[in-house]
Amino acid sequence: MPRYVAFLGSINVGGNRLSMADLRAAFEAEDLERVETVVASGNVLFDFPQRPTPGLEEKLGLMMRDRFEMEGAVCVRDRAEVAAAISDNPFAGVGEDKLVHTHFLERPADADQFAVLVADHAGRGPEKVALGDRALFIDYVDGVGDSRLTGKFLERRLGCRGTARNIRSLARILAKMDEA
């Protein structure tokens, strides 16, 4: 059975506190198998019969709203998509792993919207941005905390929500996906 990871936005930040035990129980109640959380920030591994990941995003998004009244981004990726989130990131291996992120998006970004994002961010900071498949690749260069390239900034320009993970976290998640 395929292994997936759900990247949940806004978990255990900004007042959206949720115990990982409650989160695992909710996933198990949805008939997902081998549910495991990785780091207490909204990374949930699970097995489920082969299915396109956008359908799983919809299912889990409804579950998060119904059970926890949370409206954050829900981005589901299979093992190959997580590997691509690392290998396709043009900043991976160039910038620091903790500063290089893949910002998963709920849908593909439109090239014109991406161009607006780049133009609007010009001169606002040293970050580097590249467009991926249902993702943005970002090198935060000087750190995420003081960056003006925030999730809200991205969401307004792209018209969709997302959630980011750094290369170090993605490598850890990918290794967990490969465990038997």
N, C-alpha and C. Protein backbone atom coordinates (compact mmCIF):
# COMPACT_ATOMS: atom_id res chain seq x y z
N MET A 1 0.85 -1.17 0.00
CA MET A 1 0.00 0.00 0.00
C MET A 1 0.90 1.24 0.00
N PRO A 2 0.56 2.25 -0.79
CA PRO A 2 1.40 3.45 -0.86
C PRO A 2 1.46 4.22 0.47
N ARG A 3 2.60 4.87 0.67
CA ARG A 3 2.82 5.71 1.85
C ARG A 3 2.70 7.17 1.41
N TYR A 4 2.01 7.97 2.19
CA TYR A 4 1.81 9.38 1.91
C TYR A 4 2.23 10.20 3.12
N VAL A 5 2.39 11.50 2.90
CA VAL A 5 2.57 12.44 4.01
C VAL A 5 1.61 13.60 3.78
N ALA A 6 0.95 13.99 4.85
CA ALA A 6 0.11 15.19 4.84
C ALA A 6 0.90 16.29 5.53
N PHE A 7 1.14 17.37 4.80
CA PHE A 7 1.77 18.56 5.37
C PHE A 7 0.62 19.50 5.73
N LEU A 8 0.42 19.71 7.01
CA LEU A 8 -0.68 20.53 7.48
C LEU A 8 -0.15 21.90 7.88
N GLY A 9 -0.75 22.93 7.36
CA GLY A 9 -0.33 24.29 7.68
C GLY A 9 -0.91 24.76 9.00
N SER A 10 -0.18 25.62 9.67
CA SER A 10 -0.63 26.31 10.88
C SER A 10 -0.91 25.39 12.06
N ILE A 11 -0.25 24.26 12.14
CA ILE A 11 -0.40 23.37 13.29
C ILE A 11 0.64 23.74 14.34
N ASN A 12 0.19 23.95 15.55
CA ASN A 12 1.03 24.31 16.69
C ASN A 12 1.79 25.62 16.50
N VAL A 13 1.18 26.52 15.73
CA VAL A 13 1.66 27.90 15.60
C VAL A 13 0.43 28.80 15.61
N GLY A 14 0.61 30.04 16.01
CA GLY A 14 -0.47 31.01 15.96
C GLY A 14 -1.72 30.62 16.72
N GLY A 15 -1.56 29.86 17.80
CA GLY A 15 -2.72 29.49 18.60
C GLY A 15 -3.44 28.24 18.16
N ASN A 16 -3.05 27.63 17.05
CA ASN A 16 -3.68 26.40 16.58
C ASN A 16 -3.00 25.19 17.21
N ARG A 17 -3.16 25.03 18.51
CA ARG A 17 -2.55 23.92 19.24
C ARG A 17 -3.37 22.65 19.05
N LEU A 18 -2.68 21.57 18.79
CA LEU A 18 -3.34 20.29 18.57
C LEU A 18 -2.39 19.19 19.01
N SER A 19 -2.86 18.29 19.84
CA SER A 19 -1.99 17.21 20.28
C SER A 19 -1.79 16.23 19.12
N MET A 20 -0.59 15.71 19.03
CA MET A 20 -0.30 14.76 17.97
C MET A 20 -1.09 13.47 18.17
N ALA A 21 -1.40 13.10 19.41
CA ALA A 21 -2.22 11.91 19.68
C ALA A 21 -3.62 12.11 19.10
N ASP A 22 -4.20 13.30 19.29
CA ASP A 22 -5.53 13.59 18.73
C ASP A 22 -5.49 13.59 17.20
N LEU A 23 -4.43 14.14 16.65
CA LEU A 23 -4.28 14.18 15.20
C LEU A 23 -4.17 12.77 14.63
N ARG A 24 -3.33 11.93 15.25
CA ARG A 24 -3.19 10.54 14.79
C ARG A 24 -4.54 9.81 14.88
N ALA A 25 -5.26 10.00 15.99
CA ALA A 25 -6.56 9.34 16.16
C ALA A 25 -7.55 9.77 15.07
N ALA A 26 -7.53 11.04 14.70
CA ALA A 26 -8.42 11.53 13.65
C ALA A 26 -8.08 10.89 12.31
N PHE A 27 -6.80 10.76 12.00
CA PHE A 27 -6.38 10.12 10.75
C PHE A 27 -6.78 8.65 10.75
N GLU A 28 -6.60 7.97 11.87
CA GLU A 28 -6.97 6.56 11.96
C GLU A 28 -8.48 6.38 11.82
N ALA A 29 -9.27 7.32 12.31
CA ALA A 29 -10.72 7.25 12.18
C ALA A 29 -11.16 7.39 10.71
N GLU A 30 -10.28 7.92 9.87
CA GLU A 30 -10.56 8.06 8.43
C GLU A 30 -10.09 6.84 7.65
N ASP A 31 -9.80 5.75 8.34
CA ASP A 31 -9.35 4.48 7.74
C ASP A 31 -7.97 4.58 7.09
N LEU A 32 -7.14 5.48 7.59
CA LEU A 32 -5.76 5.56 7.15
C LEU A 32 -4.95 4.63 8.04
N GLU A 33 -3.94 3.99 7.48
CA GLU A 33 -3.18 2.99 8.21
C GLU A 33 -1.76 3.46 8.49
N ARG A 34 -1.13 2.84 9.49
CA ARG A 34 0.25 3.13 9.90
C ARG A 34 0.46 4.64 10.05
N VAL A 35 -0.43 5.29 10.76
CA VAL A 35 -0.38 6.74 10.96
C VAL A 35 0.75 7.06 11.93
N GLU A 36 1.57 8.04 11.55
CA GLU A 36 2.72 8.44 12.36
C GLU A 36 2.96 9.93 12.16
N THR A 37 3.17 10.66 13.24
CA THR A 37 3.51 12.07 13.11
C THR A 37 5.03 12.22 13.19
N VAL A 38 5.54 13.20 12.46
CA VAL A 38 6.97 13.49 12.44
C VAL A 38 7.13 14.95 12.83
N VAL A 39 7.74 15.21 13.97
CA VAL A 39 7.88 16.54 14.52
C VAL A 39 6.47 17.08 14.78
N ALA A 40 6.27 17.78 15.85
CA ALA A 40 4.93 18.23 16.24
C ALA A 40 4.52 19.50 15.50
N SER A 41 4.63 19.47 14.18
CA SER A 41 4.28 20.67 13.41
C SER A 41 3.45 20.34 12.18
N GLY A 42 2.69 19.25 12.23
CA GLY A 42 1.77 18.98 11.14
C GLY A 42 2.31 18.16 10.00
N ASN A 43 3.14 17.17 10.29
CA ASN A 43 3.62 16.23 9.29
C ASN A 43 3.09 14.86 9.69
N VAL A 44 2.17 14.31 8.88
CA VAL A 44 1.55 13.04 9.24
C VAL A 44 1.76 12.03 8.12
N LEU A 45 2.46 10.95 8.45
CA LEU A 45 2.67 9.86 7.50
C LEU A 45 1.53 8.87 7.64
N PHE A 46 1.12 8.27 6.53
CA PHE A 46 0.06 7.28 6.57
C PHE A 46 0.08 6.44 5.29
N ASP A 47 -0.55 5.27 5.39
CA ASP A 47 -0.74 4.40 4.23
C ASP A 47 -2.21 4.47 3.84
N PHE A 48 -2.44 4.40 2.54
CA PHE A 48 -3.80 4.42 2.01
C PHE A 48 -3.74 3.83 0.61
N PRO A 49 -4.81 3.17 0.15
CA PRO A 49 -4.78 2.64 -1.22
C PRO A 49 -4.45 3.74 -2.24
N GLN A 50 -3.83 3.34 -3.34
CA GLN A 50 -3.41 4.27 -4.39
C GLN A 50 -4.53 5.23 -4.74
N ARG A 51 -4.22 6.51 -4.70
CA ARG A 51 -5.22 7.55 -4.98
C ARG A 51 -4.47 8.84 -5.33
N PRO A 52 -4.99 9.64 -6.26
CA PRO A 52 -4.34 10.92 -6.54
C PRO A 52 -4.30 11.79 -5.29
N THR A 53 -3.19 12.45 -5.04
CA THR A 53 -3.03 13.21 -3.81
C THR A 53 -4.02 14.37 -3.67
N PRO A 54 -4.47 15.04 -4.75
CA PRO A 54 -5.48 16.10 -4.54
C PRO A 54 -6.77 15.57 -3.89
N GLY A 55 -7.18 14.35 -4.20
CA GLY A 55 -8.36 13.78 -3.57
C GLY A 55 -8.16 13.55 -2.08
N LEU A 56 -6.97 13.13 -1.70
CA LEU A 56 -6.65 12.95 -0.29
C LEU A 56 -6.62 14.30 0.43
N GLU A 57 -6.14 15.33 -0.24
CA GLU A 57 -6.13 16.68 0.36
C GLU A 57 -7.54 17.13 0.70
N GLU A 58 -8.46 16.89 -0.22
CA GLU A 58 -9.85 17.28 0.01
C GLU A 58 -10.42 16.51 1.21
N LYS A 59 -10.21 15.21 1.23
CA LYS A 59 -10.70 14.36 2.32
C LYS A 59 -10.15 14.83 3.67
N LEU A 60 -8.85 15.07 3.74
CA LEU A 60 -8.23 15.46 5.01
C LEU A 60 -8.56 16.91 5.38
N GLY A 61 -8.73 17.76 4.41
CA GLY A 61 -9.14 19.14 4.68
C GLY A 61 -10.51 19.18 5.34
N LEU A 62 -11.44 18.37 4.84
CA LEU A 62 -12.77 18.28 5.45
C LEU A 62 -12.68 17.72 6.87
N MET A 63 -11.84 16.71 7.05
CA MET A 63 -11.66 16.13 8.38
C MET A 63 -11.11 17.16 9.36
N MET A 64 -10.12 17.95 8.95
CA MET A 64 -9.54 18.96 9.83
C MET A 64 -10.58 20.02 10.22
N ARG A 65 -11.41 20.41 9.27
CA ARG A 65 -12.46 21.39 9.56
C ARG A 65 -13.52 20.80 10.51
N ASP A 66 -13.98 19.58 10.20
CA ASP A 66 -15.04 18.96 10.99
C ASP A 66 -14.60 18.61 12.41
N ARG A 67 -13.42 18.04 12.56
CA ARG A 67 -12.98 17.55 13.87
C ARG A 67 -12.31 18.62 14.73
N PHE A 68 -11.55 19.52 14.07
CA PHE A 68 -10.73 20.45 14.84
C PHE A 68 -11.04 21.92 14.57
N GLU A 69 -11.97 22.18 13.64
CA GLU A 69 -12.32 23.55 13.25
C GLU A 69 -11.08 24.33 12.81
N MET A 70 -10.21 23.66 12.05
CA MET A 70 -8.99 24.28 11.53
C MET A 70 -9.10 24.38 10.02
N GLU A 71 -8.70 25.52 9.49
CA GLU A 71 -8.84 25.82 8.07
C GLU A 71 -7.50 25.94 7.34
N GLY A 72 -6.42 25.48 7.93
CA GLY A 72 -5.11 25.64 7.30
C GLY A 72 -4.95 24.79 6.05
N ALA A 73 -3.85 25.04 5.36
CA ALA A 73 -3.53 24.28 4.15
C ALA A 73 -3.34 22.81 4.48
N VAL A 74 -3.79 21.95 3.57
CA VAL A 74 -3.56 20.51 3.66
C VAL A 74 -2.96 20.09 2.32
N CYS A 75 -1.68 19.73 2.36
CA CYS A 75 -0.97 19.34 1.14
C CYS A 75 -0.47 17.90 1.32
N VAL A 76 -0.97 16.99 0.50
CA VAL A 76 -0.61 15.58 0.60
C VAL A 76 0.31 15.24 -0.57
N ARG A 77 1.38 14.53 -0.26
CA ARG A 77 2.33 14.11 -1.28
C ARG A 77 2.69 12.64 -1.07
N ASP A 78 2.92 11.94 -2.17
CA ASP A 78 3.40 10.56 -2.06
C ASP A 78 4.93 10.57 -2.00
N ARG A 79 5.52 9.42 -1.89
CA ARG A 79 6.96 9.32 -1.71
C ARG A 79 7.73 9.99 -2.86
N ALA A 80 7.30 9.74 -4.10
CA ALA A 80 7.98 10.33 -5.26
C ALA A 80 7.88 11.85 -5.25
N GLU A 81 6.74 12.38 -4.82
CA GLU A 81 6.56 13.84 -4.77
C GLU A 81 7.43 14.47 -3.68
N VAL A 82 7.61 13.77 -2.56
CA VAL A 82 8.49 14.30 -1.51
C VAL A 82 9.93 14.28 -2.00
N ALA A 83 10.34 13.19 -2.65
CA ALA A 83 11.70 13.12 -3.21
C ALA A 83 11.93 14.25 -4.21
N ALA A 84 10.92 14.52 -5.05
CA ALA A 84 11.02 15.60 -6.04
C ALA A 84 11.07 16.97 -5.36
N ALA A 85 10.41 17.11 -4.22
CA ALA A 85 10.44 18.39 -3.49
C ALA A 85 11.85 18.72 -3.02
N ILE A 86 12.69 17.70 -2.91
CA ILE A 86 14.10 17.92 -2.56
C ILE A 86 14.94 18.03 -3.83
N SER A 87 14.83 17.03 -4.71
CA SER A 87 15.71 16.99 -5.89
C SER A 87 15.42 18.09 -6.90
N ASP A 88 14.19 18.53 -7.01
CA ASP A 88 13.84 19.58 -7.97
C ASP A 88 14.10 20.98 -7.43
N ASN A 89 14.38 21.08 -6.14
CA ASN A 89 14.61 22.39 -5.54
C ASN A 89 15.98 22.90 -5.98
N PRO A 90 16.03 23.97 -6.79
CA PRO A 90 17.31 24.44 -7.32
C PRO A 90 18.24 25.02 -6.25
N PHE A 91 17.74 25.25 -5.05
CA PHE A 91 18.55 25.83 -3.99
C PHE A 91 19.09 24.77 -3.03
N ALA A 92 18.57 23.54 -3.13
CA ALA A 92 19.04 22.44 -2.28
C ALA A 92 20.50 22.14 -2.62
N GLY A 93 21.31 22.02 -1.60
CA GLY A 93 22.73 21.76 -1.81
C GLY A 93 23.53 23.01 -2.09
N VAL A 94 22.85 24.13 -2.29
CA VAL A 94 23.52 25.41 -2.53
C VAL A 94 23.41 26.28 -1.28
N GLY A 95 22.17 26.47 -0.83
CA GLY A 95 21.93 27.21 0.41
C GLY A 95 21.94 26.27 1.60
N GLU A 96 21.83 26.84 2.80
CA GLU A 96 21.79 26.02 4.02
C GLU A 96 20.48 25.24 4.07
N ASP A 97 20.56 23.95 4.41
CA ASP A 97 19.37 23.09 4.44
C ASP A 97 18.25 23.65 5.32
N LYS A 98 18.61 24.32 6.42
CA LYS A 98 17.56 24.85 7.30
C LYS A 98 16.92 26.11 6.74
N LEU A 99 17.55 26.73 5.74
CA LEU A 99 17.01 27.96 5.15
C LEU A 99 16.37 27.73 3.78
N VAL A 100 16.64 26.59 3.17
CA VAL A 100 16.07 26.26 1.87
C VAL A 100 14.79 25.47 2.11
N HIS A 101 13.68 25.98 1.56
CA HIS A 101 12.37 25.40 1.79
C HIS A 101 11.68 25.01 0.49
N THR A 102 10.80 24.03 0.62
CA THR A 102 9.80 23.77 -0.40
C THR A 102 8.48 24.19 0.22
N HIS A 103 7.81 25.12 -0.43
CA HIS A 103 6.52 25.63 0.03
C HIS A 103 5.46 24.89 -0.80
N PHE A 104 4.85 23.88 -0.19
CA PHE A 104 3.85 23.08 -0.87
C PHE A 104 2.58 23.90 -1.05
N LEU A 105 1.97 23.80 -2.22
CA LEU A 105 0.75 24.55 -2.55
C LEU A 105 -0.42 23.60 -2.72
N GLU A 106 -1.61 24.09 -2.42
CA GLU A 106 -2.82 23.27 -2.58
C GLU A 106 -3.17 23.02 -4.05
N ARG A 107 -2.64 23.80 -4.93
CA ARG A 107 -2.86 23.60 -6.37
C ARG A 107 -1.66 24.18 -7.11
N PRO A 108 -1.50 23.86 -8.39
CA PRO A 108 -0.38 24.45 -9.14
C PRO A 108 -0.51 25.97 -9.22
N ALA A 109 0.61 26.65 -9.12
CA ALA A 109 0.63 28.11 -9.26
C ALA A 109 0.61 28.47 -10.74
N ASP A 110 -0.14 29.48 -11.05
CA ASP A 110 -0.20 30.02 -12.40
C ASP A 110 1.09 30.80 -12.68
N ALA A 111 1.66 30.64 -13.86
CA ALA A 111 2.92 31.31 -14.20
C ALA A 111 2.78 32.83 -14.12
N ASP A 112 1.62 33.37 -14.52
CA ASP A 112 1.43 34.82 -14.44
C ASP A 112 1.37 35.29 -12.99
N GLN A 113 0.70 34.52 -12.13
CA GLN A 113 0.65 34.87 -10.72
C GLN A 113 2.05 34.79 -10.10
N PHE A 114 2.83 33.79 -10.51
CA PHE A 114 4.20 33.67 -10.01
C PHE A 114 5.02 34.89 -10.42
N ALA A 115 4.84 35.35 -11.65
CA ALA A 115 5.56 36.54 -12.13
C ALA A 115 5.20 37.76 -11.29
N VAL A 116 3.93 37.89 -10.91
CA VAL A 116 3.50 38.99 -10.05
C VAL A 116 4.18 38.87 -8.69
N LEU A 117 4.21 37.66 -8.14
CA LEU A 117 4.86 37.44 -6.85
C LEU A 117 6.32 37.90 -6.89
N VAL A 118 7.03 37.48 -7.92
CA VAL A 118 8.45 37.84 -8.06
C VAL A 118 8.60 39.35 -8.19
N ALA A 119 7.77 39.97 -9.00
CA ALA A 119 7.84 41.43 -9.19
C ALA A 119 7.51 42.17 -7.88
N ASP A 120 6.49 41.71 -7.17
CA ASP A 120 6.11 42.37 -5.92
C ASP A 120 7.15 42.19 -4.83
N HIS A 121 7.91 41.10 -4.90
CA HIS A 121 8.93 40.86 -3.87
C HIS A 121 10.27 41.53 -4.20
N ALA A 122 10.46 41.93 -5.44
CA ALA A 122 11.72 42.55 -5.85
C ALA A 122 12.06 43.71 -4.92
N GLY A 123 13.28 43.70 -4.39
CA GLY A 123 13.76 44.75 -3.52
C GLY A 123 13.31 44.63 -2.07
N ARG A 124 12.52 43.63 -1.75
CA ARG A 124 12.00 43.47 -0.38
C ARG A 124 12.90 42.57 0.48
N GLY A 125 13.83 41.85 -0.15
CA GLY A 125 14.69 40.97 0.63
C GLY A 125 15.57 40.13 -0.28
N PRO A 126 16.52 39.38 0.30
CA PRO A 126 17.48 38.62 -0.49
C PRO A 126 16.98 37.24 -0.92
N GLU A 127 15.76 36.87 -0.56
CA GLU A 127 15.27 35.53 -0.86
C GLU A 127 15.28 35.23 -2.36
N LYS A 128 15.51 33.97 -2.65
CA LYS A 128 15.44 33.49 -4.03
C LYS A 128 14.24 32.56 -4.13
N VAL A 129 13.50 32.68 -5.24
CA VAL A 129 12.27 31.90 -5.40
C VAL A 129 12.25 31.27 -6.78
N ALA A 130 11.78 30.01 -6.83
CA ALA A 130 11.60 29.31 -8.11
C ALA A 130 10.28 28.56 -8.06
N LEU A 131 9.68 28.38 -9.21
CA LEU A 131 8.39 27.71 -9.32
C LEU A 131 8.60 26.22 -9.55
N GLY A 132 7.84 25.41 -8.81
CA GLY A 132 7.87 23.96 -8.96
C GLY A 132 6.49 23.44 -9.29
N ASP A 133 6.32 22.12 -9.19
CA ASP A 133 5.04 21.47 -9.45
C ASP A 133 4.23 21.46 -8.16
N ARG A 134 3.18 22.25 -8.07
CA ARG A 134 2.39 22.43 -6.85
C ARG A 134 3.29 22.83 -5.68
N ALA A 135 4.30 23.63 -5.99
CA ALA A 135 5.26 24.05 -4.96
C ALA A 135 6.03 25.28 -5.42
N LEU A 136 6.54 25.98 -4.42
CA LEU A 136 7.54 27.02 -4.65
C LEU A 136 8.79 26.56 -3.94
N PHE A 137 9.92 26.90 -4.50
CA PHE A 137 11.20 26.62 -3.87
C PHE A 137 11.76 27.96 -3.42
N ILE A 138 12.16 28.02 -2.16
CA ILE A 138 12.60 29.30 -1.59
C ILE A 138 13.90 29.10 -0.83
N ASP A 139 14.86 29.97 -1.09
CA ASP A 139 16.07 30.06 -0.27
C ASP A 139 15.92 31.34 0.53
N TYR A 140 15.75 31.19 1.84
CA TYR A 140 15.53 32.34 2.71
C TYR A 140 16.82 33.08 3.06
N VAL A 141 17.95 32.62 2.59
CA VAL A 141 19.26 33.25 2.67
C VAL A 141 19.62 33.76 4.08
N ASP A 142 18.91 34.76 4.59
CA ASP A 142 19.22 35.37 5.89
C ASP A 142 18.32 34.86 7.02
N GLY A 143 17.46 33.91 6.73
CA GLY A 143 16.58 33.36 7.76
C GLY A 143 15.12 33.62 7.48
N VAL A 144 14.28 32.77 8.03
CA VAL A 144 12.85 32.84 7.79
C VAL A 144 12.18 33.88 8.70
N GLY A 145 12.64 33.97 9.94
CA GLY A 145 11.99 34.80 10.95
C GLY A 145 11.80 36.26 10.57
N ASP A 146 12.77 36.86 9.93
CA ASP A 146 12.68 38.28 9.58
C ASP A 146 12.31 38.51 8.12
N SER A 147 12.04 37.44 7.40
CA SER A 147 11.73 37.57 5.98
C SER A 147 10.38 38.23 5.76
N ARG A 148 10.31 39.01 4.72
CA ARG A 148 9.03 39.62 4.32
C ARG A 148 8.30 38.74 3.31
N LEU A 149 8.94 37.62 2.95
CA LEU A 149 8.32 36.66 2.04
C LEU A 149 7.57 35.63 2.90
N THR A 150 6.42 36.04 3.40
CA THR A 150 5.63 35.24 4.35
C THR A 150 4.58 34.39 3.62
N GLY A 151 4.00 33.48 4.37
CA GLY A 151 2.92 32.67 3.81
C GLY A 151 1.76 33.52 3.33
N LYS A 152 1.40 34.54 4.08
CA LYS A 152 0.31 35.44 3.68
C LYS A 152 0.65 36.19 2.40
N PHE A 153 1.91 36.65 2.26
CA PHE A 153 2.36 37.33 1.06
C PHE A 153 2.21 36.39 -0.14
N LEU A 154 2.68 35.16 0.02
CA LEU A 154 2.60 34.17 -1.06
C LEU A 154 1.14 33.87 -1.42
N GLU A 155 0.33 33.66 -0.40
CA GLU A 155 -1.08 33.31 -0.62
C GLU A 155 -1.82 34.40 -1.38
N ARG A 156 -1.58 35.65 -1.02
CA ARG A 156 -2.26 36.76 -1.71
C ARG A 156 -1.86 36.83 -3.19
N ARG A 157 -0.61 36.59 -3.48
CA ARG A 157 -0.15 36.68 -4.87
C ARG A 157 -0.55 35.47 -5.70
N LEU A 158 -0.56 34.29 -5.09
CA LEU A 158 -0.83 33.06 -5.84
C LEU A 158 -2.29 32.62 -5.80
N GLY A 159 -3.04 33.17 -4.86
CA GLY A 159 -4.45 32.82 -4.75
C GLY A 159 -4.70 31.43 -4.21
N CYS A 160 -3.73 30.87 -3.51
CA CYS A 160 -3.93 29.57 -2.86
C CYS A 160 -3.04 29.46 -1.64
N ARG A 161 -3.46 28.57 -0.74
CA ARG A 161 -2.71 28.38 0.49
C ARG A 161 -1.59 27.37 0.28
N GLY A 162 -0.67 27.38 1.23
CA GLY A 162 0.41 26.41 1.21
C GLY A 162 1.05 26.30 2.57
N THR A 163 2.05 25.46 2.67
CA THR A 163 2.80 25.27 3.90
C THR A 163 4.21 24.82 3.53
N ALA A 164 5.19 25.35 4.24
CA ALA A 164 6.59 25.12 3.87
C ALA A 164 7.30 24.18 4.84
N ARG A 165 8.27 23.44 4.29
CA ARG A 165 9.16 22.61 5.09
C ARG A 165 10.57 22.81 4.54
N ASN A 166 11.55 22.83 5.46
CA ASN A 166 12.92 22.99 4.99
C ASN A 166 13.49 21.66 4.51
N ILE A 167 14.61 21.73 3.82
CA ILE A 167 15.22 20.54 3.22
C ILE A 167 15.59 19.51 4.29
N ARG A 168 16.06 19.98 5.42
CA ARG A 168 16.42 19.07 6.52
C ARG A 168 15.20 18.26 6.96
N SER A 169 14.07 18.92 7.16
CA SER A 169 12.84 18.23 7.56
C SER A 169 12.35 17.28 6.47
N LEU A 170 12.41 17.73 5.23
CA LEU A 170 11.97 16.87 4.12
C LEU A 170 12.82 15.61 4.02
N ALA A 171 14.13 15.74 4.24
CA ALA A 171 15.00 14.56 4.19
C ALA A 171 14.63 13.58 5.31
N ARG A 172 14.33 14.11 6.47
CA ARG A 172 13.92 13.26 7.60
C ARG A 172 12.59 12.56 7.29
N ILE A 173 11.64 13.29 6.73
CA ILE A 173 10.34 12.71 6.37
C ILE A 173 10.51 11.65 5.31
N LEU A 174 11.32 11.91 4.30
CA LEU A 174 11.56 10.94 3.24
C LEU A 174 12.18 9.66 3.80
N ALA A 175 13.13 9.81 4.71
CA ALA A 175 13.74 8.63 5.34
C ALA A 175 12.69 7.82 6.11
N LYS A 176 11.78 8.51 6.80
CA LYS A 176 10.71 7.82 7.54
C LYS A 176 9.77 7.11 6.57
N MET A 177 9.52 7.70 5.41
CA MET A 177 8.64 7.07 4.42
C MET A 177 9.27 5.79 3.89
N ASP A 178 10.58 5.73 3.88
CA ASP A 178 11.29 4.56 3.35
C ASP A 178 11.43 3.43 4.36
N GLU A 179 11.13 3.71 5.64
CA GLU A 179 11.21 2.67 6.66
C GLU A 179 10.07 1.67 6.44
N ALA A 180 10.38 0.42 6.69
CA ALA A 180 9.37 -0.63 6.49
C ALA A 180 8.30 -0.60 7.57
